[in-house]
Amino acid sequence: MSGEITKLPPAVQERLLRLQQLQETLQTVLAQKQQLDLELIEIDRALSELEKVSDDVVIYKSIGSLLIRTDKAKVTSELSERRELANMRVSVLTKQEERLRSQIKELQEKLQKDLRPISQAQD
């Protein structure tokens, strides 16, 4: 296939490379979103469990390989902040995903127009 690519005009080659880069970036964004979604599920589970226990219960928080004693209000606040931050990051990644998908679609349409005469010439 690389031999076929070098036969294409330079502008078409650049578009193909750009398309590949955009697709790779999109995959990275989707992986980051998936990771954040998992983090949000974990945070929501932890907050849900915290709601079930009384305010005076002993709670331990994992910091590296240590468990540190803390209070419910502090952990709840930290988890809520993490959830808010993760939601903002998901929102940013969603917008980035939409832009990338739009750019990919536009580039694919241009490439189809570019490659149409080539495929007709080979017929």
PDB file of N, CA and C in Angstrom:
ATOM      1  N   MET A   1       0.819  -1.197   0.000  1.00  0.00           N
ATOM      2  CA  MET A   1       0.000   0.000   0.000  1.00  0.00           C
ATOM      3  C   MET A   1       0.858   1.253   0.000  1.00  0.00           C
ATOM      4  N   SER A   2       2.010   1.236   0.683  1.00  0.00           N
ATOM      5  CA  SER A   2       2.845   2.428   0.727  1.00  0.00           C
ATOM      6  C   SER A   2       3.323   2.803  -0.676  1.00  0.00           C
ATOM      7  N   GLY A   3       3.527   1.813  -1.538  1.00  0.00           N
ATOM      8  CA  GLY A   3       3.886   2.090  -2.916  1.00  0.00           C
ATOM      9  C   GLY A   3       2.776   2.809  -3.648  1.00  0.00           C
ATOM     10  N   GLU A   4       1.539   2.445  -3.348  1.00  0.00           N
ATOM     11  CA  GLU A   4       0.392   3.104  -3.962  1.00  0.00           C
ATOM     12  C   GLU A   4       0.262   4.540  -3.476  1.00  0.00           C
ATOM     13  N   ILE A   5       0.578   4.774  -2.208  1.00  0.00           N
ATOM     14  CA  ILE A   5       0.456   6.121  -1.649  1.00  0.00           C
ATOM     15  C   ILE A   5       1.449   7.069  -2.309  1.00  0.00           C
ATOM     16  N   THR A   6       2.652   6.598  -2.567  1.00  0.00           N
ATOM     17  CA  THR A   6       3.657   7.475  -3.177  1.00  0.00           C
ATOM     18  C   THR A   6       3.297   7.856  -4.605  1.00  0.00           C
ATOM     19  N   LYS A   7       2.387   7.124  -5.238  1.00  0.00           N
ATOM     20  CA  LYS A   7       1.940   7.470  -6.592  1.00  0.00           C
ATOM     21  C   LYS A   7       0.907   8.595  -6.565  1.00  0.00           C
ATOM     22  N   LEU A   8       0.360   8.888  -5.380  1.00  0.00           N
ATOM     23  CA  LEU A   8      -0.664   9.923  -5.260  1.00  0.00           C
ATOM     24  C   LEU A   8      -0.021  11.305  -5.275  1.00  0.00           C
ATOM     25  N   PRO A   9      -0.782  12.311  -5.690  1.00  0.00           N
ATOM     26  CA  PRO A   9      -0.268  13.689  -5.638  1.00  0.00           C
ATOM     27  C   PRO A   9       0.074  14.074  -4.191  1.00  0.00           C
ATOM     28  N   PRO A  10       1.050  14.958  -4.006  1.00  0.00           N
ATOM     29  CA  PRO A  10       1.471  15.347  -2.651  1.00  0.00           C
ATOM     30  C   PRO A  10       0.331  15.864  -1.767  1.00  0.00           C
ATOM     31  N   ALA A  11      -0.583  16.631  -2.332  1.00  0.00           N
ATOM     32  CA  ALA A  11      -1.705  17.170  -1.538  1.00  0.00           C
ATOM     33  C   ALA A  11      -2.578  16.038  -1.005  1.00  0.00           C
ATOM     34  N   VAL A  12      -2.785  15.005  -1.815  1.00  0.00           N
ATOM     35  CA  VAL A  12      -3.602  13.858  -1.396  1.00  0.00           C
ATOM     36  C   VAL A  12      -2.853  13.063  -0.323  1.00  0.00           C
ATOM     37  N   GLN A  13      -1.550  12.923  -0.506  1.00  0.00           N
ATOM     38  CA  GLN A  13      -0.741  12.221   0.501  1.00  0.00           C
ATOM     39  C   GLN A  13      -0.824  12.937   1.847  1.00  0.00           C
ATOM     40  N   GLU A  14      -0.739  14.265   1.806  1.00  0.00           N
ATOM     41  CA  GLU A  14      -0.830  15.053   3.041  1.00  0.00           C
ATOM     42  C   GLU A  14      -2.189  14.873   3.703  1.00  0.00           C
ATOM     43  N   ARG A  15      -3.239  14.868   2.884  1.00  0.00           N
ATOM     44  CA  ARG A  15      -4.586  14.672   3.449  1.00  0.00           C
ATOM     45  C   ARG A  15      -4.720  13.297   4.094  1.00  0.00           C
ATOM     46  N   LEU A  16      -4.158  12.290   3.446  1.00  0.00           N
ATOM     47  CA  LEU A  16      -4.211  10.941   4.024  1.00  0.00           C
ATOM     48  C   LEU A  16      -3.468  10.878   5.355  1.00  0.00           C
ATOM     49  N   LEU A  17      -2.319  11.498   5.414  1.00  0.00           N
ATOM     50  CA  LEU A  17      -1.558  11.533   6.663  1.00  0.00           C
ATOM     51  C   LEU A  17      -2.315  12.308   7.734  1.00  0.00           C
ATOM     52  N   ARG A  18      -2.907  13.419   7.346  1.00  0.00           N
ATOM     53  CA  ARG A  18      -3.697  14.228   8.301  1.00  0.00           C
ATOM     54  C   ARG A  18      -4.886  13.423   8.810  1.00  0.00           C
ATOM     55  N   LEU A  19      -5.537  12.685   7.926  1.00  0.00           N
ATOM     56  CA  LEU A  19      -6.666  11.850   8.329  1.00  0.00           C
ATOM     57  C   LEU A  19      -6.217  10.810   9.348  1.00  0.00           C
ATOM     58  N   GLN A  20      -5.098  10.194   9.079  1.00  0.00           N
ATOM     59  CA  GLN A  20      -4.570   9.188  10.013  1.00  0.00           C
ATOM     60  C   GLN A  20      -4.266   9.819  11.370  1.00  0.00           C
ATOM     61  N   GLN A  21      -3.677  11.013  11.369  1.00  0.00           N
ATOM     62  CA  GLN A  21      -3.368  11.707  12.627  1.00  0.00           C
ATOM     63  C   GLN A  21      -4.642  12.040  13.395  1.00  0.00           C
ATOM     64  N   LEU A  22      -5.644  12.527  12.679  1.00  0.00           N
ATOM     65  CA  LEU A  22      -6.917  12.869  13.323  1.00  0.00           C
ATOM     66  C   LEU A  22      -7.573  11.627  13.925  1.00  0.00           C
ATOM     67  N   GLN A  23      -7.516  10.512  13.205  1.00  0.00           N
ATOM     68  CA  GLN A  23      -8.110   9.274  13.715  1.00  0.00           C
ATOM     69  C   GLN A  23      -7.383   8.795  14.967  1.00  0.00           C
ATOM     70  N   GLU A  24      -6.058   8.922  14.984  1.00  0.00           N
ATOM     71  CA  GLU A  24      -5.285   8.533  16.166  1.00  0.00           C
ATOM     72  C   GLU A  24      -5.612   9.439  17.349  1.00  0.00           C
ATOM     73  N   THR A  25      -5.737  10.729  17.083  1.00  0.00           N
ATOM     74  CA  THR A  25      -6.091  11.675  18.139  1.00  0.00           C
ATOM     75  C   THR A  25      -7.480  11.366  18.683  1.00  0.00           C
ATOM     76  N   LEU A  26      -8.401  11.037  17.784  1.00  0.00           N
ATOM     77  CA  LEU A  26      -9.754  10.678  18.213  1.00  0.00           C
ATOM     78  C   LEU A  26      -9.728   9.446  19.119  1.00  0.00           C
ATOM     79  N   GLN A  27      -8.937   8.457  18.769  1.00  0.00           N
ATOM     80  CA  GLN A  27      -8.830   7.250  19.602  1.00  0.00           C
ATOM     81  C   GLN A  27      -8.294   7.600  20.992  1.00  0.00           C
ATOM     82  N   THR A  28      -7.336   8.500  21.044  1.00  0.00           N
ATOM     83  CA  THR A  28      -6.781   8.937  22.334  1.00  0.00           C
ATOM     84  C   THR A  28      -7.853   9.643  23.167  1.00  0.00           C
ATOM     85  N   VAL A  29      -8.593  10.528  22.525  1.00  0.00           N
ATOM     86  CA  VAL A  29      -9.661  11.258  23.222  1.00  0.00           C
ATOM     87  C   VAL A  29     -10.711  10.284  23.743  1.00  0.00           C
ATOM     88  N   LEU A  30     -11.098   9.316  22.928  1.00  0.00           N
ATOM     89  CA  LEU A  30     -12.100   8.332  23.351  1.00  0.00           C
ATOM     90  C   LEU A  30     -11.597   7.498  24.526  1.00  0.00           C
ATOM     91  N   ALA A  31     -10.320   7.151  24.510  1.00  0.00           N
ATOM     92  CA  ALA A  31      -9.742   6.388  25.621  1.00  0.00           C
ATOM     93  C   ALA A  31      -9.737   7.220  26.901  1.00  0.00           C
ATOM     94  N   GLN A  32      -9.405   8.493  26.785  1.00  0.00           N
ATOM     95  CA  GLN A  32      -9.421   9.378  27.951  1.00  0.00           C
ATOM     96  C   GLN A  32     -10.831   9.526  28.504  1.00  0.00           C
ATOM     97  N   LYS A  33     -11.802   9.675  27.603  1.00  0.00           N
ATOM     98  CA  LYS A  33     -13.202   9.780  28.044  1.00  0.00           C
ATOM     99  C   LYS A  33     -13.646   8.518  28.765  1.00  0.00           C
ATOM    100  N   GLN A  34     -13.270   7.376  28.229  1.00  0.00           N
ATOM    101  CA  GLN A  34     -13.646   6.110  28.851  1.00  0.00           C
ATOM    102  C   GLN A  34     -13.039   6.003  30.255  1.00  0.00           C
ATOM    103  N   GLN A  35     -11.794   6.424  30.394  1.00  0.00           N
ATOM    104  CA  GLN A  35     -11.126   6.395  31.694  1.00  0.00           C
ATOM    105  C   GLN A  35     -11.847   7.308  32.685  1.00  0.00           C
ATOM    106  N   LEU A  36     -12.227   8.489  32.219  1.00  0.00           N
ATOM    107  CA  LEU A  36     -12.955   9.417  33.083  1.00  0.00           C
ATOM    108  C   LEU A  36     -14.328   8.870  33.462  1.00  0.00           C
ATOM    109  N   ASP A  37     -14.993   8.227  32.522  1.00  0.00           N
ATOM    110  CA  ASP A  37     -16.295   7.623  32.819  1.00  0.00           C
ATOM    111  C   ASP A  37     -16.168   6.571  33.920  1.00  0.00           C
ATOM    112  N   LEU A  38     -15.105   5.774  33.852  1.00  0.00           N
ATOM    113  CA  LEU A  38     -14.869   4.772  34.893  1.00  0.00           C
ATOM    114  C   LEU A  38     -14.587   5.445  36.233  1.00  0.00           C
ATOM    115  N   GLU A  39     -13.815   6.523  36.200  1.00  0.00           N
ATOM    116  CA  GLU A  39     -13.521   7.266  37.423  1.00  0.00           C
ATOM    117  C   GLU A  39     -14.800   7.843  38.025  1.00  0.00           C
ATOM    118  N   LEU A  40     -15.671   8.366  37.169  1.00  0.00           N
ATOM    119  CA  LEU A  40     -16.942   8.917  37.655  1.00  0.00           C
ATOM    120  C   LEU A  40     -17.815   7.840  38.299  1.00  0.00           C
ATOM    121  N   ILE A  41     -17.829   6.665  37.721  1.00  0.00           N
ATOM    122  CA  ILE A  41     -18.601   5.561  38.300  1.00  0.00           C
ATOM    123  C   ILE A  41     -18.053   5.219  39.684  1.00  0.00           C
ATOM    124  N   GLU A  42     -16.736   5.170  39.782  1.00  0.00           N
ATOM    125  CA  GLU A  42     -16.090   4.865  41.064  1.00  0.00           C
ATOM    126  C   GLU A  42     -16.407   5.943  42.107  1.00  0.00           C
ATOM    127  N   ILE A  43     -16.339   7.198  41.719  1.00  0.00           N
ATOM    128  CA  ILE A  43     -16.641   8.309  42.631  1.00  0.00           C
ATOM    129  C   ILE A  43     -18.095   8.232  43.091  1.00  0.00           C
ATOM    130  N   ASP A  44     -19.007   8.000  42.149  1.00  0.00           N
ATOM    131  CA  ASP A  44     -20.430   7.917  42.502  1.00  0.00           C
ATOM    132  C   ASP A  44     -20.704   6.763  43.456  1.00  0.00           C
ATOM    133  N   ARG A  45     -20.027   5.644  43.254  1.00  0.00           N
ATOM    134  CA  ARG A  45     -20.192   4.506  44.171  1.00  0.00           C
ATOM    135  C   ARG A  45     -19.711   4.863  45.573  1.00  0.00           C
ATOM    136  N   ALA A  46     -18.552   5.516  45.627  1.00  0.00           N
ATOM    137  CA  ALA A  46     -17.999   5.902  46.927  1.00  0.00           C
ATOM    138  C   ALA A  46     -18.923   6.890  47.633  1.00  0.00           C
ATOM    139  N   LEU A  47     -19.424   7.880  46.911  1.00  0.00           N
ATOM    140  CA  LEU A  47     -20.341   8.849  47.510  1.00  0.00           C
ATOM    141  C   LEU A  47     -21.629   8.177  47.979  1.00  0.00           C
ATOM    142  N   SER A  48     -22.096   7.235  47.188  1.00  0.00           N
ATOM    143  CA  SER A  48     -23.307   6.496  47.563  1.00  0.00           C
ATOM    144  C   SER A  48     -23.101   5.721  48.858  1.00  0.00           C
ATOM    145  N   GLU A  49     -21.946   5.092  48.989  1.00  0.00           N
ATOM    146  CA  GLU A  49     -21.637   4.345  50.215  1.00  0.00           C
ATOM    147  C   GLU A  49     -21.493   5.289  51.409  1.00  0.00           C
ATOM    148  N   LEU A  50     -20.907   6.451  51.174  1.00  0.00           N
ATOM    149  CA  LEU A  50     -20.754   7.425  52.258  1.00  0.00           C
ATOM    150  C   LEU A  50     -22.099   7.932  52.769  1.00  0.00           C
ATOM    151  N   GLU A  51     -23.080   8.031  51.877  1.00  0.00           N
ATOM    152  CA  GLU A  51     -24.415   8.481  52.288  1.00  0.00           C
ATOM    153  C   GLU A  51     -25.065   7.494  53.249  1.00  0.00           C
ATOM    154  N   LYS A  52     -24.688   6.240  53.142  1.00  0.00           N
ATOM    155  CA  LYS A  52     -25.307   5.183  53.951  1.00  0.00           C
ATOM    156  C   LYS A  52     -24.782   5.131  55.385  1.00  0.00           C
ATOM    157  N   VAL A  53     -23.607   5.727  55.636  1.00  0.00           N
ATOM    158  CA  VAL A  53     -23.008   5.627  56.966  1.00  0.00           C
ATOM    159  C   VAL A  53     -23.227   6.918  57.758  1.00  0.00           C
ATOM    160  N   SER A  54     -23.195   6.788  59.070  1.00  0.00           N
ATOM    161  CA  SER A  54     -23.389   7.965  59.926  1.00  0.00           C
ATOM    162  C   SER A  54     -22.157   8.861  59.878  1.00  0.00           C
ATOM    163  N   ASP A  55     -22.331  10.103  60.325  1.00  0.00           N
ATOM    164  CA  ASP A  55     -21.255  11.085  60.265  1.00  0.00           C
ATOM    165  C   ASP A  55     -20.098  10.766  61.211  1.00  0.00           C
ATOM    166  N   ASP A  56     -20.345   9.984  62.250  1.00  0.00           N
ATOM    167  CA  ASP A  56     -19.295   9.712  63.226  1.00  0.00           C
ATOM    168  C   ASP A  56     -18.527   8.414  62.956  1.00  0.00           C
ATOM    169  N   VAL A  57     -18.829   7.741  61.872  1.00  0.00           N
ATOM    170  CA  VAL A  57     -18.149   6.492  61.553  1.00  0.00           C
ATOM    171  C   VAL A  57     -16.690   6.785  61.153  1.00  0.00           C
ATOM    172  N   VAL A  58     -15.812   5.861  61.484  1.00  0.00           N
ATOM    173  CA  VAL A  58     -14.389   6.017  61.142  1.00  0.00           C
ATOM    174  C   VAL A  58     -14.205   5.666  59.659  1.00  0.00           C
ATOM    175  N   ILE A  59     -13.552   6.592  58.944  1.00  0.00           N
ATOM    176  CA  ILE A  59     -13.322   6.396  57.513  1.00  0.00           C
ATOM    177  C   ILE A  59     -11.831   6.509  57.251  1.00  0.00           C
ATOM    178  N   TYR A  60     -11.344   5.630  56.375  1.00  0.00           N
ATOM    179  CA  TYR A  60      -9.936   5.664  55.978  1.00  0.00           C
ATOM    180  C   TYR A  60      -9.855   5.974  54.493  1.00  0.00           C
ATOM    181  N   LYS A  61      -8.867   6.775  54.173  1.00  0.00           N
ATOM    182  CA  LYS A  61      -8.660   7.193  52.791  1.00  0.00           C
ATOM    183  C   LYS A  61      -7.310   6.644  52.339  1.00  0.00           C
ATOM    184  N   SER A  62      -7.272   6.098  51.138  1.00  0.00           N
ATOM    185  CA  SER A  62      -6.037   5.543  50.587  1.00  0.00           C
ATOM    186  C   SER A  62      -5.185   6.656  49.994  1.00  0.00           C
ATOM    187  N   ILE A  63      -3.946   6.724  50.477  1.00  0.00           N
ATOM    188  CA  ILE A  63      -2.975   7.663  49.920  1.00  0.00           C
ATOM    189  C   ILE A  63      -1.729   6.848  49.610  1.00  0.00           C
ATOM    190  N   GLY A  64      -1.562   6.542  48.337  1.00  0.00           N
ATOM    191  CA  GLY A  64      -0.459   5.656  47.951  1.00  0.00           C
ATOM    192  C   GLY A  64      -0.689   4.286  48.549  1.00  0.00           C
ATOM    193  N   SER A  65       0.287   3.792  49.293  1.00  0.00           N
ATOM    194  CA  SER A  65       0.137   2.472  49.911  1.00  0.00           C
ATOM    195  C   SER A  65      -0.310   2.586  51.366  1.00  0.00           C
ATOM    196  N   LEU A  66      -0.696   3.791  51.787  1.00  0.00           N
ATOM    197  CA  LEU A  66      -1.134   4.014  53.163  1.00  0.00           C
ATOM    198  C   LEU A  66      -2.636   4.240  53.242  1.00  0.00           C
ATOM    199  N   LEU A  67      -3.211   3.894  54.377  1.00  0.00           N
ATOM    200  CA  LEU A  67      -4.587   4.251  54.685  1.00  0.00           C
ATOM    201  C   LEU A  67      -4.536   5.282  55.805  1.00  0.00           C
ATOM    202  N   ILE A  68      -5.138   6.428  55.575  1.00  0.00           N
ATOM    203  CA  ILE A  68      -5.125   7.527  56.531  1.00  0.00           C
ATOM    204  C   ILE A  68      -6.545   7.749  57.050  1.00  0.00           C
ATOM    205  N   ARG A  69      -6.650   7.891  58.351  1.00  0.00           N
ATOM    206  CA  ARG A  69      -7.954   8.137  58.968  1.00  0.00           C
ATOM    207  C   ARG A  69      -8.399   9.559  58.628  1.00  0.00           C
ATOM    208  N   THR A  70      -9.653   9.709  58.278  1.00  0.00           N
ATOM    209  CA  THR A  70     -10.206  11.016  57.916  1.00  0.00           C
ATOM    210  C   THR A  70     -11.679  11.058  58.311  1.00  0.00           C
ATOM    211  N   ASP A  71     -12.309  12.187  58.109  1.00  0.00           N
ATOM    212  CA  ASP A  71     -13.737  12.255  58.452  1.00  0.00           C
ATOM    213  C   ASP A  71     -14.602  12.271  57.194  1.00  0.00           C
ATOM    214  N   LYS A  72     -15.841  11.924  57.400  1.00  0.00           N
ATOM    215  CA  LYS A  72     -16.787  11.746  56.295  1.00  0.00           C
ATOM    216  C   LYS A  72     -16.959  13.028  55.482  1.00  0.00           C
ATOM    217  N   ALA A  73     -17.103  14.165  56.153  1.00  0.00           N
ATOM    218  CA  ALA A  73     -17.342  15.432  55.455  1.00  0.00           C
ATOM    219  C   ALA A  73     -16.183  15.781  54.518  1.00  0.00           C
ATOM    220  N   LYS A  74     -14.972  15.560  54.989  1.00  0.00           N
ATOM    221  CA  LYS A  74     -13.798  15.884  54.177  1.00  0.00           C
ATOM    222  C   LYS A  74     -13.729  14.989  52.942  1.00  0.00           C
ATOM    223  N   VAL A  75     -13.945  13.699  53.129  1.00  0.00           N
ATOM    224  CA  VAL A  75     -13.905  12.758  52.001  1.00  0.00           C
ATOM    225  C   VAL A  75     -15.024  13.064  51.015  1.00  0.00           C
ATOM    226  N   THR A  76     -16.207  13.345  51.537  1.00  0.00           N
ATOM    227  CA  THR A  76     -17.347  13.665  50.670  1.00  0.00           C
ATOM    228  C   THR A  76     -17.049  14.913  49.838  1.00  0.00           C
ATOM    229  N   SER A  77     -16.477  15.910  50.478  1.00  0.00           N
ATOM    230  CA  SER A  77     -16.128  17.144  49.772  1.00  0.00           C
ATOM    231  C   SER A  77     -15.089  16.883  48.687  1.00  0.00           C
ATOM    232  N   GLU A  78     -14.052  16.122  49.023  1.00  0.00           N
ATOM    233  CA  GLU A  78     -13.005  15.810  48.039  1.00  0.00           C
ATOM    234  C   GLU A  78     -13.563  15.023  46.860  1.00  0.00           C
ATOM    235  N   LEU A  79     -14.417  14.060  47.151  1.00  0.00           N
ATOM    236  CA  LEU A  79     -15.001  13.257  46.074  1.00  0.00           C
ATOM    237  C   LEU A  79     -15.915  14.103  45.186  1.00  0.00           C
ATOM    238  N   SER A  80     -16.668  15.000  45.801  1.00  0.00           N
ATOM    239  CA  SER A  80     -17.550  15.884  45.016  1.00  0.00           C
ATOM    240  C   SER A  80     -16.735  16.784  44.099  1.00  0.00           C
ATOM    241  N   GLU A  81     -15.607  17.291  44.608  1.00  0.00           N
ATOM    242  CA  GLU A  81     -14.727  18.123  43.779  1.00  0.00           C
ATOM    243  C   GLU A  81     -14.136  17.306  42.628  1.00  0.00           C
ATOM    244  N   ARG A  82     -13.717  16.090  42.932  1.00  0.00           N
ATOM    245  CA  ARG A  82     -13.170  15.221  41.873  1.00  0.00           C
ATOM    246  C   ARG A  82     -14.221  14.938  40.812  1.00  0.00           C
ATOM    247  N   ARG A  83     -15.464  14.713  41.260  1.00  0.00           N
ATOM    248  CA  ARG A  83     -16.545  14.436  40.302  1.00  0.00           C
ATOM    249  C   ARG A  83     -16.790  15.651  39.417  1.00  0.00           C
ATOM    250  N   GLU A  84     -16.810  16.832  40.021  1.00  0.00           N
ATOM    251  CA  GLU A  84     -17.031  18.054  39.255  1.00  0.00           C
ATOM    252  C   GLU A  84     -15.917  18.264  38.225  1.00  0.00           C
ATOM    253  N   LEU A  85     -14.676  18.065  38.649  1.00  0.00           N
ATOM    254  CA  LEU A  85     -13.539  18.207  37.741  1.00  0.00           C
ATOM    255  C   LEU A  85     -13.604  17.173  36.608  1.00  0.00           C
ATOM    256  N   ALA A  86     -13.924  15.944  36.956  1.00  0.00           N
ATOM    257  CA  ALA A  86     -14.021  14.891  35.935  1.00  0.00           C
ATOM    258  C   ALA A  86     -15.141  15.204  34.943  1.00  0.00           C
ATOM    259  N   ASN A  87     -16.254  15.707  35.434  1.00  0.00           N
ATOM    260  CA  ASN A  87     -17.358  16.080  34.532  1.00  0.00           C
ATOM    261  C   ASN A  87     -16.949  17.196  33.582  1.00  0.00           C
ATOM    262  N   MET A  88     -16.189  18.160  34.088  1.00  0.00           N
ATOM    263  CA  MET A  88     -15.708  19.242  33.210  1.00  0.00           C
ATOM    264  C   MET A  88     -14.758  18.688  32.153  1.00  0.00           C
ATOM    265  N   ARG A  89     -13.885  17.793  32.557  1.00  0.00           N
ATOM    266  CA  ARG A  89     -12.945  17.200  31.602  1.00  0.00           C
ATOM    267  C   ARG A  89     -13.685  16.376  30.549  1.00  0.00           C
ATOM    268  N   VAL A  90     -14.727  15.659  30.975  1.00  0.00           N
ATOM    269  CA  VAL A  90     -15.537  14.892  30.011  1.00  0.00           C
ATOM    270  C   VAL A  90     -16.194  15.844  29.021  1.00  0.00           C
ATOM    271  N   SER A  91     -16.688  16.958  29.511  1.00  0.00           N
ATOM    272  CA  SER A  91     -17.318  17.946  28.642  1.00  0.00           C
ATOM    273  C   SER A  91     -16.333  18.487  27.612  1.00  0.00           C
ATOM    274  N   VAL A  92     -15.126  18.806  28.046  1.00  0.00           N
ATOM    275  CA  VAL A  92     -14.091  19.304  27.128  1.00  0.00           C
ATOM    276  C   VAL A  92     -13.736  18.230  26.101  1.00  0.00           C
ATOM    277  N   LEU A  93     -13.571  16.993  26.566  1.00  0.00           N
ATOM    278  CA  LEU A  93     -13.229  15.901  25.648  1.00  0.00           C
ATOM    279  C   LEU A  93     -14.361  15.628  24.661  1.00  0.00           C
ATOM    280  N   THR A  94     -15.598  15.779  25.099  1.00  0.00           N
ATOM    281  CA  THR A  94     -16.743  15.575  24.200  1.00  0.00           C
ATOM    282  C   THR A  94     -16.727  16.611  23.085  1.00  0.00           C
ATOM    283  N   LYS A  95     -16.447  17.858  23.442  1.00  0.00           N
ATOM    284  CA  LYS A  95     -16.361  18.907  22.416  1.00  0.00           C
ATOM    285  C   LYS A  95     -15.205  18.624  21.459  1.00  0.00           C
ATOM    286  N   GLN A  96     -14.082  18.177  22.018  1.00  0.00           N
ATOM    287  CA  GLN A  96     -12.930  17.842  21.181  1.00  0.00           C
ATOM    288  C   GLN A  96     -13.271  16.670  20.255  1.00  0.00           C
ATOM    289  N   GLU A  97     -13.975  15.683  20.794  1.00  0.00           N
ATOM    290  CA  GLU A  97     -14.391  14.535  19.987  1.00  0.00           C
ATOM    291  C   GLU A  97     -15.277  14.976  18.831  1.00  0.00           C
ATOM    292  N   GLU A  98     -16.231  15.857  19.107  1.00  0.00           N
ATOM    293  CA  GLU A  98     -17.135  16.339  18.056  1.00  0.00           C
ATOM    294  C   GLU A  98     -16.364  17.077  16.963  1.00  0.00           C
ATOM    295  N   ARG A  99     -15.401  17.926  17.385  1.00  0.00           N
ATOM    296  CA  ARG A  99     -14.580  18.649  16.398  1.00  0.00           C
ATOM    297  C   ARG A  99     -13.776  17.680  15.543  1.00  0.00           C
ATOM    298  N   LEU A 100     -13.175  16.696  16.195  1.00  0.00           N
ATOM    299  CA  LEU A 100     -12.366  15.722  15.457  1.00  0.00           C
ATOM    300  C   LEU A 100     -13.221  14.930  14.475  1.00  0.00           C
ATOM    301  N   ARG A 101     -14.383  14.487  14.923  1.00  0.00           N
ATOM    302  CA  ARG A 101     -15.278  13.731  14.026  1.00  0.00           C
ATOM    303  C   ARG A 101     -15.684  14.583  12.819  1.00  0.00           C
ATOM    304  N   SER A 102     -15.946  15.854  13.060  1.00  0.00           N
ATOM    305  CA  SER A 102     -16.311  16.756  11.969  1.00  0.00           C
ATOM    306  C   SER A 102     -15.141  16.929  10.997  1.00  0.00           C
ATOM    307  N   GLN A 103     -13.930  17.122  11.537  1.00  0.00           N
ATOM    308  CA  GLN A 103     -12.753  17.273  10.685  1.00  0.00           C
ATOM    309  C   GLN A 103     -12.482  16.000   9.893  1.00  0.00           C
ATOM    310  N   ILE A 104     -12.652  14.862  10.524  1.00  0.00           N
ATOM    311  CA  ILE A 104     -12.434  13.577   9.852  1.00  0.00           C
ATOM    312  C   ILE A 104     -13.430  13.408   8.710  1.00  0.00           C
ATOM    313  N   LYS A 105     -14.685  13.721   8.988  1.00  0.00           N
ATOM    314  CA  LYS A 105     -15.719  13.584   7.951  1.00  0.00           C
ATOM    315  C   LYS A 105     -15.414  14.501   6.766  1.00  0.00           C
ATOM    316  N   GLU A 106     -15.046  15.730   7.052  1.00  0.00           N
ATOM    317  CA  GLU A 106     -14.725  16.691   6.002  1.00  0.00           C
ATOM    318  C   GLU A 106     -13.527  16.219   5.168  1.00  0.00           C
ATOM    319  N   LEU A 107     -12.514  15.726   5.861  1.00  0.00           N
ATOM    320  CA  LEU A 107     -11.317  15.245   5.174  1.00  0.00           C
ATOM    321  C   LEU A 107     -11.618  14.005   4.339  1.00  0.00           C
ATOM    322  N   GLN A 108     -12.457  13.113   4.856  1.00  0.00           N
ATOM    323  CA  GLN A 108     -12.832  11.915   4.102  1.00  0.00           C
ATOM    324  C   GLN A 108     -13.575  12.290   2.819  1.00  0.00           C
ATOM    325  N   GLU A 109     -14.444  13.295   2.923  1.00  0.00           N
ATOM    326  CA  GLU A 109     -15.179  13.741   1.731  1.00  0.00           C
ATOM    327  C   GLU A 109     -14.226  14.318   0.690  1.00  0.00           C
ATOM    328  N   LYS A 110     -13.250  15.118   1.150  1.00  0.00           N
ATOM    329  CA  LYS A 110     -12.269  15.683   0.219  1.00  0.00           C
ATOM    330  C   LYS A 110     -11.450  14.574  -0.440  1.00  0.00           C
ATOM    331  N   LEU A 111     -11.052  13.597   0.368  1.00  0.00           N
ATOM    332  CA  LEU A 111     -10.259  12.495  -0.174  1.00  0.00           C
ATOM    333  C   LEU A 111     -11.056  11.672  -1.181  1.00  0.00           C
ATOM    334  N   GLN A 112     -12.346  11.478  -0.923  1.00  0.00           N
ATOM    335  CA  GLN A 112     -13.171  10.737  -1.881  1.00  0.00           C
ATOM    336  C   GLN A 112     -13.216  11.469  -3.215  1.00  0.00           C
ATOM    337  N   LYS A 113     -13.325  12.799  -3.162  1.00  0.00           N
ATOM    338  CA  LYS A 113     -13.318  13.584  -4.401  1.00  0.00           C
ATOM    339  C   LYS A 113     -11.953  13.489  -5.080  1.00  0.00           C
ATOM    340  N   ASP A 114     -10.880  13.562  -4.262  1.00  0.00           N
ATOM    341  CA  ASP A 114      -9.531  13.477  -4.817  1.00  0.00           C
ATOM    342  C   ASP A 114      -9.276  12.125  -5.477  1.00  0.00           C
ATOM    343  N   LEU A 115      -9.747  11.065  -4.842  1.00  0.00           N
ATOM    344  CA  LEU A 115      -9.435   9.712  -5.299  1.00  0.00           C
ATOM    345  C   LEU A 115     -10.393   9.209  -6.377  1.00  0.00           C
ATOM    346  N   ARG A 116     -11.532   9.826  -6.541  1.00  0.00           N
ATOM    347  CA  ARG A 116     -12.503   9.405  -7.544  1.00  0.00           C
ATOM    348  C   ARG A 116     -11.901   9.384  -8.950  1.00  0.00           C
ATOM    349  N   PRO A 117     -11.216  10.441  -9.385  1.00  0.00           N
ATOM    350  CA  PRO A 117     -10.620  10.405 -10.734  1.00  0.00           C
ATOM    351  C   PRO A 117      -9.548   9.321 -10.881  1.00  0.00           C
ATOM    352  N   ILE A 118      -8.824   9.055  -9.814  1.00  0.00           N
ATOM    353  CA  ILE A 118      -7.775   8.024  -9.856  1.00  0.00           C
ATOM    354  C   ILE A 118      -8.388   6.658 -10.048  1.00  0.00           C
ATOM    355  N   SER A 119      -9.443   6.369  -9.285  1.00  0.00           N
ATOM    356  CA  SER A 119     -10.066   5.044  -9.397  1.00  0.00           C
ATOM    357  C   SER A 119     -10.767   4.885 -10.749  1.00  0.00           C
ATOM    358  N   GLN A 120     -11.297   5.959 -11.313  1.00  0.00           N
ATOM    359  CA  GLN A 120     -11.942   5.873 -12.622  1.00  0.00           C
ATOM    360  C   GLN A 120     -10.897   5.669 -13.717  1.00  0.00           C
ATOM    361  N   ALA A 121      -9.733   6.233 -13.526  1.00  0.00           N
ATOM    362  CA  ALA A 121      -8.658   6.105 -14.527  1.00  0.00           C
ATOM    363  C   ALA A 121      -8.130   4.676 -14.562  1.00  0.00           C
ATOM    364  N   GLN A 122      -8.191   3.983 -13.409  1.00  0.00           N
ATOM    365  CA  GLN A 122      -7.693   2.606 -13.344  1.00  0.00           C
ATOM    366  C   GLN A 122      -8.687   1.613 -13.933  1.00  0.00           C
ATOM    367  N   ASP A 123      -9.950   1.991 -14.012  1.00  0.00           N
ATOM    368  CA  ASP A 123     -10.979   1.068 -14.546  1.00  0.00           C
ATOM    369  C   ASP A 123     -10.843   0.805 -16.000  1.00  0.00           C
TER     370      ASP A 123
END
